Amino acid sequence: MSETDTGGEILTLTAYFAERERLNGQFLAEEMLGLFDKRGVATSIMLRGIASFGPAHVERSDRSLSLSEDPSVTITAVDTPGRILPLADEVAALTGRGMITLERGRLVPAVTAGQLGDSVRMSLYLGRRQRVGGAPGYAAVCDLLHRLGFASAEVFLGVDGTVSGDRRRARFLSRNVDVPLMLVGIGSAEQVEAAVAQLRTMLRDPLFAIERILLCKNEGRFIADPHSLTGAYLKMTVRTDEDSRHDGRPVHRALVTRLMDSDHASGATVLRAIWGFHGGQRPHGDRFLQLARHVPVSTVIIDTPENIAASFAIVDELTGSDGLVTCEVVPAMLALNRGNNVGDLRLR
């Protein structure tokens, strides 16, 4: 997939649901990834969450048995609008309970820094076995983004997915060298443009997607209110470390509990990265036999602007001294709950 194939536009489809959700006796995740494989989707990745709640208001967290029995998952597919739009209808037909979103993005260098806002989200999709100068590719990319002054970077390891249209799965007792990785960086438009120029010399045929975002808070400092964004649905992402605390409790767990107990939030999903940084930290991640996990985590909240505004009050309180909070427009969202559906997948 190149800029000339699409005029630079791509779409990202993301489905959120419980891993043990089934369809015709099979796991929904398997059916969905099989569909992506059949359709030759350029890139897709399945991630397991570590905490969540949804329309049924069942809380799952990394401290409860419910998570080990039925963790939340996200499956993301990235390709041209011509492939993703019909695929979205097929995914919706498969899903009994969950949420599906469509997000716009641009391939680079189809756009330049002058065409983007002050803050940009850059998504980069890699294979786990990619290396740069003898080091893991994702670590080399994080080092580069840190040197360029990015506000954050996170690396998420998939358990399944497609790379260049071919299925890649994690295997028990294997090195899982082909499983896809997703790296998400938050920086200024100028920083992203500089990163892309250098990454094109470091990586072979990298797939980038970039989109403007609103930076709301950084390291406890208020920057902007989500009220300034207009759209039918918004996505707020709260980036902290797994061991970040509020009143002695991990921030991501406190967020899920407080949001679920509120009268407005529709759901939230927490994803654990394997490597990354935010603020002035050095890139860091999982270490063998470590007791305290000092890895980045992201809490994703998708809702109406009114509900996001109400949720931001909770987020603001719990990120008084730590974390990076961003918000962006979601052009299409469909929440499904056994026939009781909210929203649709028409792009706005």
Protein backbone atom coordinates (compact mmCIF):
# COMPACT_ATOMS: atom_id res chain seq x y z
CA MET A 1 0.00 0.00 0.00
CA SER A 2 1.47 3.35 -1.05
CA GLU A 3 0.44 6.97 -1.07
CA THR A 4 -0.43 6.71 -4.75
CA ASP A 5 -2.89 3.88 -4.06
CA THR A 6 -5.12 6.05 -1.86
CA GLY A 7 -4.19 9.66 -2.39
CA GLY A 8 -2.62 9.41 1.04
CA GLU A 9 -5.84 8.53 2.94
CA ILE A 10 -6.20 5.40 5.03
CA LEU A 11 -8.75 4.14 7.53
CA THR A 12 -8.23 2.35 10.83
CA LEU A 13 -10.95 -0.02 12.00
CA THR A 14 -10.80 -1.04 15.67
CA ALA A 15 -13.08 -3.56 17.40
CA TYR A 16 -13.31 -3.78 21.21
CA PHE A 17 -14.86 -6.85 22.87
CA ALA A 18 -14.28 -9.67 25.38
CA GLU A 19 -11.89 -12.37 24.19
CA ARG A 20 -14.35 -15.21 24.87
CA GLU A 21 -17.09 -13.59 22.79
CA ARG A 22 -18.29 -16.29 20.37
CA LEU A 23 -19.91 -16.59 16.98
CA ASN A 24 -21.39 -19.89 15.77
CA GLY A 25 -19.34 -21.82 18.34
CA GLN A 26 -16.06 -20.12 17.41
CA PHE A 27 -14.24 -17.28 19.14
CA LEU A 28 -15.13 -13.94 17.55
CA ALA A 29 -11.45 -12.92 17.48
CA GLU A 30 -10.58 -15.96 15.37
CA GLU A 31 -13.47 -15.28 12.98
CA MET A 32 -12.52 -11.63 12.66
CA LEU A 33 -8.81 -12.24 12.06
CA GLY A 34 -9.66 -15.00 9.61
CA LEU A 35 -11.77 -12.47 7.72
CA PHE A 36 -8.89 -9.98 7.65
CA ASP A 37 -6.59 -12.72 6.36
CA LYS A 38 -9.10 -13.66 3.66
CA ARG A 39 -9.52 -10.05 2.58
CA GLY A 40 -5.76 -9.47 2.51
CA VAL A 41 -5.81 -6.54 4.96
CA ALA A 42 -2.46 -4.74 4.81
CA THR A 43 -1.92 -4.67 8.59
CA SER A 44 -3.96 -5.89 11.55
CA ILE A 45 -3.09 -6.54 15.18
CA MET A 46 -4.86 -8.11 18.15
CA LEU A 47 -4.00 -6.81 21.64
CA ARG A 48 -5.14 -8.13 25.03
CA GLY A 49 -6.29 -5.55 27.55
CA ILE A 50 -5.43 -5.58 31.26
CA ALA A 51 -8.57 -3.81 32.51
CA SER A 52 -11.91 -2.77 31.06
CA PHE A 53 -15.64 -2.37 31.32
CA GLY A 54 -18.30 -2.04 28.64
CA PRO A 55 -22.04 -1.60 28.11
CA ALA A 56 -22.83 -4.50 30.47
CA HIS A 57 -20.81 -2.69 33.20
CA VAL A 58 -18.79 -5.79 34.14
CA GLU A 59 -15.39 -4.65 35.41
CA ARG A 60 -12.35 -6.67 34.43
CA SER A 61 -8.96 -5.76 35.84
CA ASP A 62 -5.46 -7.16 36.26
CA ARG A 63 -6.34 -7.85 39.91
CA SER A 64 -9.48 -9.91 39.28
CA LEU A 65 -10.16 -13.47 38.17
CA SER A 66 -12.60 -12.17 35.57
CA LEU A 67 -9.72 -10.81 33.50
CA SER A 68 -7.87 -14.13 33.31
CA GLU A 69 -11.12 -15.86 32.37
CA ASP A 70 -12.27 -13.35 29.74
CA PRO A 71 -9.90 -10.43 29.08
CA SER A 72 -10.82 -7.52 26.89
CA VAL A 73 -9.23 -7.42 23.44
CA THR A 74 -8.86 -4.89 20.68
CA ILE A 75 -8.38 -5.83 17.04
CA THR A 76 -7.18 -3.09 14.70
CA ALA A 77 -7.09 -3.23 10.89
CA VAL A 78 -5.38 -0.60 8.72
CA ASP A 79 -5.81 -0.28 4.96
CA THR A 80 -7.30 1.85 2.18
CA PRO A 81 -10.84 3.22 2.51
CA GLY A 82 -11.89 0.99 -0.39
CA ARG A 83 -10.97 -2.10 1.61
CA ILE A 84 -11.86 -1.00 5.15
CA LEU A 85 -15.35 0.44 4.53
CA PRO A 86 -16.94 -2.80 3.21
CA LEU A 87 -14.95 -4.75 5.82
CA ALA A 88 -16.51 -2.63 8.58
CA ASP A 89 -19.99 -3.85 7.64
CA GLU A 90 -18.79 -7.47 7.73
CA VAL A 91 -17.19 -6.96 11.16
CA ALA A 92 -20.40 -5.41 12.48
CA ALA A 93 -22.39 -8.40 11.23
CA LEU A 94 -20.07 -10.76 13.14
CA THR A 95 -20.16 -8.86 16.45
CA GLY A 96 -22.85 -9.52 19.07
CA ARG A 97 -21.47 -7.36 21.88
CA GLY A 98 -18.67 -4.82 21.59
CA MET A 99 -17.69 -1.55 19.97
CA ILE A 100 -16.38 -0.77 16.47
CA THR A 101 -14.77 2.50 15.44
CA LEU A 102 -13.43 3.98 12.22
CA GLU A 103 -10.66 6.58 12.33
CA ARG A 104 -9.15 8.55 9.49
CA GLY A 105 -5.43 8.86 8.95
CA ARG A 106 -2.93 9.91 6.34
CA LEU A 107 0.02 8.10 4.91
CA VAL A 108 3.22 10.09 4.85
CA PRO A 109 4.68 11.95 3.03
CA ALA A 110 1.20 12.67 1.62
CA VAL A 111 0.92 15.50 4.16
CA THR A 112 3.47 17.88 5.63
CA ALA A 113 3.88 19.56 9.00
CA GLY A 114 2.20 22.72 7.74
CA GLN A 115 -1.03 20.77 7.03
CA LEU A 116 -1.34 19.35 10.56
CA GLY A 117 -2.20 20.87 13.93
CA ASP A 118 0.08 21.46 16.88
CA SER A 119 -0.04 17.83 18.13
CA VAL A 120 0.04 14.66 16.05
CA ARG A 121 -0.41 10.94 16.70
CA MET A 122 1.94 8.78 14.61
CA SER A 123 1.24 5.05 14.37
CA LEU A 124 3.94 2.76 13.01
CA TYR A 125 3.46 -0.95 12.34
CA LEU A 126 6.44 -3.28 12.59
CA GLY A 127 7.23 -6.97 12.67
CA ARG A 128 8.66 -8.15 15.98
CA ARG A 129 11.76 -9.54 14.28
CA GLN A 130 12.72 -6.23 12.67
CA ARG A 131 16.08 -5.00 13.93
CA VAL A 132 18.09 -1.81 13.54
CA GLY A 133 21.84 -1.95 14.10
CA GLY A 134 21.54 -5.23 16.00
CA ALA A 135 18.88 -3.88 18.40
CA PRO A 136 15.13 -4.51 18.34
CA GLY A 137 13.55 -2.17 15.82
CA TYR A 138 10.94 -0.90 18.27
CA ALA A 139 13.64 0.07 20.81
CA ALA A 140 15.62 1.93 18.13
CA VAL A 141 12.49 3.82 17.05
CA CYS A 142 11.67 4.79 20.67
CA ASP A 143 15.22 6.05 21.14
CA LEU A 144 14.86 8.22 18.04
CA LEU A 145 11.49 9.64 19.14
CA HIS A 146 12.92 10.39 22.58
CA ARG A 147 15.88 12.26 21.06
CA LEU A 148 13.50 14.28 18.90
CA GLY A 149 11.53 15.35 21.98
CA PHE A 150 8.27 13.42 21.46
CA ALA A 151 5.86 13.68 24.39
CA SER A 152 5.40 9.89 24.48
CA ALA A 153 5.87 6.61 22.65
CA GLU A 154 4.38 3.19 23.38
CA VAL A 155 5.03 -0.23 21.84
CA PHE A 156 2.21 -2.79 21.87
CA LEU A 157 2.94 -6.45 21.10
CA GLY A 158 0.21 -8.28 19.23
CA VAL A 159 -0.85 -11.85 19.90
CA ASP A 160 -2.21 -12.24 16.36
CA GLY A 161 -2.66 -10.23 13.21
CA THR A 162 -1.66 -9.75 9.60
CA VAL A 163 1.54 -8.31 8.16
CA SER A 164 1.52 -7.28 4.49
CA GLY A 165 -1.72 -9.23 4.09
CA ASP A 166 -0.43 -12.50 5.60
CA ARG A 167 -1.60 -13.97 8.94
CA ARG A 168 0.90 -13.95 11.82
CA ARG A 169 0.09 -15.66 15.15
CA ALA A 170 1.83 -16.01 18.49
CA ARG A 171 2.69 -19.65 19.22
CA PHE A 172 3.18 -21.35 22.59
CA LEU A 173 6.88 -21.89 23.41
CA SER A 174 7.92 -20.12 20.19
CA ARG A 175 9.91 -16.94 19.65
CA ASN A 176 6.88 -15.35 17.92
CA VAL A 177 9.26 -13.53 15.62
CA ASP A 178 6.60 -12.58 13.06
CA VAL A 179 3.91 -11.27 15.40
CA PRO A 180 3.09 -7.63 14.57
CA LEU A 181 3.94 -4.67 16.79
CA MET A 182 2.18 -1.31 16.93
CA LEU A 183 4.17 1.75 17.99
CA VAL A 184 2.28 4.96 18.80
CA GLY A 185 4.10 8.27 19.24
CA ILE A 186 2.73 11.67 20.29
CA GLY A 187 4.65 14.72 19.11
CA SER A 188 4.47 18.02 17.30
CA ALA A 189 3.96 18.11 13.54
CA GLU A 190 7.60 19.16 13.08
CA GLN A 191 8.85 16.32 15.29
CA VAL A 192 6.76 13.78 13.36
CA GLU A 193 8.05 15.09 10.03
CA ALA A 194 11.66 14.79 11.27
CA ALA A 195 11.02 11.29 12.62
CA VAL A 196 9.49 10.07 9.38
CA ALA A 197 12.48 11.31 7.37
CA GLN A 198 14.91 9.39 9.60
CA LEU A 199 12.76 6.27 9.97
CA ARG A 200 12.60 5.86 6.21
CA THR A 201 16.36 5.36 6.25
CA MET A 202 16.23 3.00 9.27
CA LEU A 203 13.36 0.67 8.29
CA ARG A 204 12.41 -1.15 5.13
CA ASP A 205 8.99 -0.12 3.74
CA PRO A 206 7.60 1.26 7.01
CA LEU A 207 3.83 1.79 7.24
CA PHE A 208 3.01 5.08 8.94
CA ALA A 209 -0.34 6.64 9.73
CA ILE A 210 -0.61 10.15 11.16
CA GLU A 211 -3.56 12.14 12.48
CA ARG A 212 -4.01 15.40 14.37
CA ILE A 213 -4.98 15.22 18.03
CA LEU A 214 -5.61 17.55 20.96
CA LEU A 215 -3.08 17.47 23.82
CA CYS A 216 -5.13 17.99 27.00
CA LYS A 217 -2.65 17.36 29.86
CA ASN A 218 1.03 16.54 30.23
CA GLU A 219 2.70 15.58 33.53
CA GLY A 220 -0.17 17.06 35.54
CA ARG A 221 -0.20 20.35 33.59
CA PHE A 222 -3.53 21.34 32.02
CA ILE A 223 -3.19 22.34 28.35
CA ALA A 224 -6.61 22.15 26.66
CA ASP A 225 -10.17 21.01 27.34
CA PRO A 226 -11.86 18.35 25.14
CA HIS A 227 -14.73 20.86 24.74
CA SER A 228 -12.74 22.46 21.92
CA LEU A 229 -13.25 19.38 19.70
CA THR A 230 -16.44 18.90 17.70
CA GLY A 231 -17.70 15.55 16.48
CA ALA A 232 -20.34 12.92 17.13
CA TYR A 233 -17.83 10.84 19.13
CA LEU A 234 -14.46 11.47 20.75
CA LYS A 235 -11.62 9.23 21.95
CA MET A 236 -9.71 10.23 25.07
CA THR A 237 -6.49 8.35 25.87
CA VAL A 238 -4.79 8.53 29.27
CA ARG A 239 -1.14 7.44 29.17
CA THR A 240 0.56 6.60 32.47
CA ASP A 241 2.97 3.99 33.81
CA GLU A 242 1.57 0.77 35.19
CA ASP A 243 2.95 1.64 38.62
CA SER A 244 1.73 5.28 38.57
CA ARG A 245 -0.35 5.85 41.71
CA HIS A 246 -3.26 7.98 42.89
CA ASP A 247 -3.91 7.67 46.62
CA GLY A 248 -1.83 4.47 46.63
CA ARG A 249 -3.75 2.79 43.80
CA PRO A 250 -2.61 2.36 40.18
CA VAL A 251 -4.07 5.18 38.13
CA HIS A 252 -5.42 2.90 35.39
CA ARG A 253 -7.34 0.74 37.89
CA ALA A 254 -8.72 3.80 39.68
CA LEU A 255 -9.82 5.25 36.34
CA VAL A 256 -11.72 2.12 35.30
CA THR A 257 -13.48 1.87 38.68
CA ARG A 258 -14.38 5.56 38.90
CA LEU A 259 -15.63 5.70 35.32
CA MET A 260 -17.71 2.53 35.71
CA ASP A 261 -19.27 3.88 38.90
CA SER A 262 -20.19 7.15 37.17
CA ASP A 263 -23.57 7.75 35.55
CA HIS A 264 -22.17 8.72 32.16
CA ALA A 265 -19.20 6.62 30.97
CA SER A 266 -20.04 3.88 28.44
CA GLY A 267 -16.78 1.95 28.73
CA ALA A 268 -12.98 1.97 28.90
CA THR A 269 -10.13 -0.35 27.89
CA VAL A 270 -6.59 -0.41 29.31
CA LEU A 271 -3.71 -1.66 27.14
CA ARG A 272 -0.24 -2.49 28.49
CA ALA A 273 2.79 -1.66 26.36
CA ILE A 274 6.05 -3.62 26.39
CA TRP A 275 8.26 -0.56 25.89
CA GLY A 276 8.06 3.21 25.68
CA PHE A 277 8.22 6.50 27.56
CA HIS A 278 6.34 9.68 28.36
CA GLY A 279 7.50 13.01 29.65
CA GLY A 280 11.17 13.21 30.54
CA GLN A 281 11.61 9.47 31.09
CA ARG A 282 14.11 7.41 29.19
CA PRO A 283 12.58 4.63 27.05
CA HIS A 284 11.95 1.63 29.30
CA GLY A 285 9.86 -1.54 29.54
CA ASP A 286 9.63 -5.13 30.65
CA ARG A 287 12.64 -6.65 32.39
CA PHE A 288 13.07 -10.32 33.17
CA LEU A 289 12.01 -11.30 36.72
CA GLN A 290 11.20 -7.72 37.75
CA LEU A 291 8.66 -7.44 40.56
CA ALA A 292 7.25 -3.97 39.81
CA ARG A 293 6.18 -3.42 36.21
CA HIS A 294 7.32 0.04 35.16
CA VAL A 295 5.80 -0.10 31.68
CA PRO A 296 3.51 2.36 29.91
CA VAL A 297 -0.25 1.73 29.96
CA SER A 298 -2.98 3.49 27.98
CA THR A 299 -6.60 3.86 29.10
CA VAL A 300 -8.88 4.40 26.08
CA ILE A 301 -12.31 6.02 26.53
CA ILE A 302 -14.66 6.45 23.53
CA ASP A 303 -17.94 8.30 24.01
CA THR A 304 -20.06 11.29 23.08
CA PRO A 305 -18.55 14.77 23.58
CA GLU A 306 -20.86 15.33 26.58
CA ASN A 307 -19.80 12.10 28.26
CA ILE A 308 -16.13 12.70 27.44
CA ALA A 309 -16.38 16.13 29.08
CA ALA A 310 -17.85 14.53 32.22
CA SER A 311 -15.19 11.81 32.18
CA PHE A 312 -12.43 14.39 31.78
CA ALA A 313 -13.27 15.74 35.24
CA ILE A 314 -12.39 12.30 36.67
CA VAL A 315 -9.30 11.98 34.46
CA ASP A 316 -8.13 15.45 35.48
CA GLU A 317 -8.39 14.55 39.17
CA LEU A 318 -6.54 11.24 38.85
CA THR A 319 -3.72 12.67 36.70
CA GLY A 320 -2.89 15.54 39.00
CA SER A 321 0.86 14.95 38.82
CA ASP A 322 1.46 12.28 36.18
CA GLY A 323 0.37 11.13 32.75
CA LEU A 324 -0.32 12.35 29.24
CA VAL A 325 -3.94 12.92 28.18
CA THR A 326 -4.98 13.33 24.53
CA CYS A 327 -8.30 13.57 22.73
CA GLU A 328 -9.32 13.16 19.09
CA VAL A 329 -12.40 12.94 16.91
CA VAL A 330 -13.80 9.50 16.00
CA PRO A 331 -15.62 9.82 12.64
CA ALA A 332 -17.73 6.67 13.15
CA MET A 333 -18.65 4.48 16.13
CA LEU A 334 -21.05 1.57 16.57
CA ALA A 335 -21.72 0.05 20.01
CA LEU A 336 -23.43 -3.35 19.89
CA ASN A 337 -25.18 -5.13 22.76
CA ARG A 338 -27.17 -8.12 21.50
CA GLY A 339 -29.29 -6.08 19.12
CA ASN A 340 -29.41 -2.90 21.21
CA ASN A 341 -27.12 -0.82 19.04
CA VAL A 342 -25.99 2.78 19.38
CA GLY A 343 -24.32 4.77 16.60
CA ASP A 344 -23.39 3.62 13.10
CA LEU A 345 -20.39 3.24 10.79
CA ARG A 346 -21.11 6.14 8.44
CA LEU A 347 -18.04 8.34 8.22
CA ARG A 348 -18.64 11.93 9.33
